[in-house]
Amino acid sequence: MRMSYGYSQERARIFTEEGQQAFLAIRDRVQQLLRQSGACTMGKAIDGGTGDTWFMLACVERLVELKEIEEVTQGQSIWIQDRVYQRKESRGR
């Protein structure tokens, strides 16, 4: 039984056929939330998703890695579901 989240272990699953479908669904959800409010939490980004929660977290972190979004709460001691994200290009506007 796995007990802690590790992005590097979950990341590889994104590049499978099933993983790509799930990644695109999460990306579409995040983009919709960002259009609506300009920011979203990790919890809202994965809300309604199906499957492994750790994998869904990795999908959001992959969006950060691709520089599509950035974490606003980086460096703060908060629960992972409370992390806040915004579009990468919107900072400083």
C-alpha atoms as a PDB file:
ATOM      1  CA  MET A   1       0.000   0.000   0.000  1.00  0.00           C
ATOM      2  CA  ARG A   2       1.328   3.444  -0.967  1.00  0.00           C
ATOM      3  CA  MET A   3       1.347   5.980   1.830  1.00  0.00           C
ATOM      4  CA  SER A   4       2.696   9.224   0.378  1.00  0.00           C
ATOM      5  CA  TYR A   5       2.467  11.163  -2.840  1.00  0.00           C
ATOM      6  CA  GLY A   6       5.511  11.331  -5.082  1.00  0.00           C
ATOM      7  CA  TYR A   7       5.310  13.265  -8.351  1.00  0.00           C
ATOM      8  CA  SER A   8       8.221  11.446  -9.947  1.00  0.00           C
ATOM      9  CA  GLN A   9       6.491   8.074  -9.497  1.00  0.00           C
ATOM     10  CA  GLU A  10       3.139   9.321 -10.801  1.00  0.00           C
ATOM     11  CA  ARG A  11       4.558  11.374 -13.700  1.00  0.00           C
ATOM     12  CA  ALA A  12       5.388   8.341 -15.842  1.00  0.00           C
ATOM     13  CA  ARG A  13       1.724   7.318 -15.901  1.00  0.00           C
ATOM     14  CA  ILE A  14       0.817  10.572 -17.663  1.00  0.00           C
ATOM     15  CA  PHE A  15       2.544   9.348 -20.820  1.00  0.00           C
ATOM     16  CA  THR A  16       0.362   6.265 -21.256  1.00  0.00           C
ATOM     17  CA  GLU A  17      -2.725   6.323 -23.494  1.00  0.00           C
ATOM     18  CA  GLU A  18      -5.053   6.297 -20.491  1.00  0.00           C
ATOM     19  CA  GLY A  19      -2.872   8.839 -18.715  1.00  0.00           C
ATOM     20  CA  GLN A  20      -3.002  11.268 -21.632  1.00  0.00           C
ATOM     21  CA  GLN A  21      -6.790  11.130 -21.675  1.00  0.00           C
ATOM     22  CA  ALA A  22      -6.939  11.844 -17.944  1.00  0.00           C
ATOM     23  CA  PHE A  23      -4.312  14.599 -18.238  1.00  0.00           C
ATOM     24  CA  LEU A  24      -6.261  16.355 -20.990  1.00  0.00           C
ATOM     25  CA  ALA A  25      -9.474  16.162 -18.950  1.00  0.00           C
ATOM     26  CA  ILE A  26      -7.731  17.731 -15.935  1.00  0.00           C
ATOM     27  CA  ARG A  27      -6.122  20.378 -18.155  1.00  0.00           C
ATOM     28  CA  ASP A  28      -9.501  21.262 -19.644  1.00  0.00           C
ATOM     29  CA  ARG A  29     -11.017  21.512 -16.146  1.00  0.00           C
ATOM     30  CA  VAL A  30      -8.189  23.771 -14.918  1.00  0.00           C
ATOM     31  CA  GLN A  31      -8.474  26.004 -17.994  1.00  0.00           C
ATOM     32  CA  GLN A  32     -12.237  26.321 -17.456  1.00  0.00           C
ATOM     33  CA  LEU A  33     -11.742  27.279 -13.799  1.00  0.00           C
ATOM     34  CA  LEU A  34      -9.079  29.830 -14.729  1.00  0.00           C
ATOM     35  CA  ARG A  35     -11.354  31.413 -17.340  1.00  0.00           C
ATOM     36  CA  GLN A  36     -14.115  31.676 -14.739  1.00  0.00           C
ATOM     37  CA  SER A  37     -12.157  33.055 -11.800  1.00  0.00           C
ATOM     38  CA  GLY A  38      -8.523  33.625 -12.739  1.00  0.00           C
ATOM     39  CA  ALA A  39      -7.267  31.121 -10.167  1.00  0.00           C
ATOM     40  CA  CYS A  40      -8.120  27.671  -8.833  1.00  0.00           C
ATOM     41  CA  THR A  41      -7.148  25.400  -6.003  1.00  0.00           C
ATOM     42  CA  MET A  42      -5.735  21.935  -6.436  1.00  0.00           C
ATOM     43  CA  GLY A  43      -8.905  20.613  -4.802  1.00  0.00           C
ATOM     44  CA  LYS A  44     -11.139  22.258  -7.400  1.00  0.00           C
ATOM     45  CA  ALA A  45      -8.827  21.194 -10.229  1.00  0.00           C
ATOM     46  CA  ILE A  46      -9.230  17.511  -9.390  1.00  0.00           C
ATOM     47  CA  ASP A  47     -12.827  17.699  -8.130  1.00  0.00           C
ATOM     48  CA  GLY A  48     -15.050  15.400 -10.133  1.00  0.00           C
ATOM     49  CA  GLY A  49     -12.143  13.500 -11.598  1.00  0.00           C
ATOM     50  CA  THR A  50     -12.177   9.745 -11.523  1.00  0.00           C
ATOM     51  CA  GLY A  51      -9.397   7.439 -10.537  1.00  0.00           C
ATOM     52  CA  ASP A  52      -6.299   7.750  -8.432  1.00  0.00           C
ATOM     53  CA  THR A  53      -6.070  11.059  -6.566  1.00  0.00           C
ATOM     54  CA  TRP A  54      -2.272  11.015  -6.608  1.00  0.00           C
ATOM     55  CA  PHE A  55      -2.314  10.631 -10.366  1.00  0.00           C
ATOM     56  CA  MET A  56      -4.678  13.608 -10.679  1.00  0.00           C
ATOM     57  CA  LEU A  57      -2.320  15.670  -8.485  1.00  0.00           C
ATOM     58  CA  ALA A  58       0.508  14.735 -10.847  1.00  0.00           C
ATOM     59  CA  CYS A  59      -1.530  15.937 -13.832  1.00  0.00           C
ATOM     60  CA  VAL A  60      -1.840  19.391 -12.245  1.00  0.00           C
ATOM     61  CA  GLU A  61       1.861  19.413 -11.374  1.00  0.00           C
ATOM     62  CA  ARG A  62       2.622  18.519 -14.990  1.00  0.00           C
ATOM     63  CA  LEU A  63       0.760  21.677 -16.044  1.00  0.00           C
ATOM     64  CA  VAL A  64       3.131  23.606 -13.781  1.00  0.00           C
ATOM     65  CA  GLU A  65       6.102  21.779 -15.274  1.00  0.00           C
ATOM     66  CA  LEU A  66       4.885  22.740 -18.769  1.00  0.00           C
ATOM     67  CA  LYS A  67       4.584  26.353 -17.566  1.00  0.00           C
ATOM     68  CA  GLU A  68       0.879  26.526 -18.448  1.00  0.00           C
ATOM     69  CA  ILE A  69       0.071  27.470 -14.844  1.00  0.00           C
ATOM     70  CA  GLU A  70       1.999  28.480 -11.758  1.00  0.00           C
ATOM     71  CA  GLU A  71       1.456  27.943  -8.074  1.00  0.00           C
ATOM     72  CA  VAL A  72       0.666  31.181  -6.249  1.00  0.00           C
ATOM     73  CA  THR A  73       1.020  29.586  -2.807  1.00  0.00           C
ATOM     74  CA  GLN A  74       4.483  28.139  -3.437  1.00  0.00           C
ATOM     75  CA  GLY A  75       6.644  28.085  -0.322  1.00  0.00           C
ATOM     76  CA  GLN A  76       3.694  28.271   2.046  1.00  0.00           C
ATOM     77  CA  SER A  77       2.930  25.472   4.469  1.00  0.00           C
ATOM     78  CA  ILE A  78      -0.563  24.438   3.367  1.00  0.00           C
ATOM     79  CA  TRP A  79      -2.428  21.247   2.545  1.00  0.00           C
ATOM     80  CA  ILE A  80      -1.874  20.119  -1.036  1.00  0.00           C
ATOM     81  CA  GLN A  81      -5.574  20.484  -1.921  1.00  0.00           C
ATOM     82  CA  ASP A  82      -5.411  24.154  -0.872  1.00  0.00           C
ATOM     83  CA  ARG A  83      -2.593  25.094  -3.253  1.00  0.00           C
ATOM     84  CA  VAL A  84      -3.665  27.948  -5.552  1.00  0.00           C
ATOM     85  CA  TYR A  85      -2.789  28.156  -9.249  1.00  0.00           C
ATOM     86  CA  GLN A  86      -3.109  30.808 -11.933  1.00  0.00           C
ATOM     87  CA  ARG A  87      -2.122  31.117 -15.580  1.00  0.00           C
ATOM     88  CA  LYS A  88       1.607  31.564 -15.917  1.00  0.00           C
ATOM     89  CA  GLU A  89       1.329  34.720 -18.026  1.00  0.00           C
ATOM     90  CA  SER A  90      -1.190  36.456 -15.740  1.00  0.00           C
ATOM     91  CA  ARG A  91       1.267  37.227 -12.931  1.00  0.00           C
ATOM     92  CA  GLY A  92       2.354  40.839 -12.786  1.00  0.00           C
ATOM     93  CA  ARG A  93      -0.502  42.221 -14.839  1.00  0.00           C
END
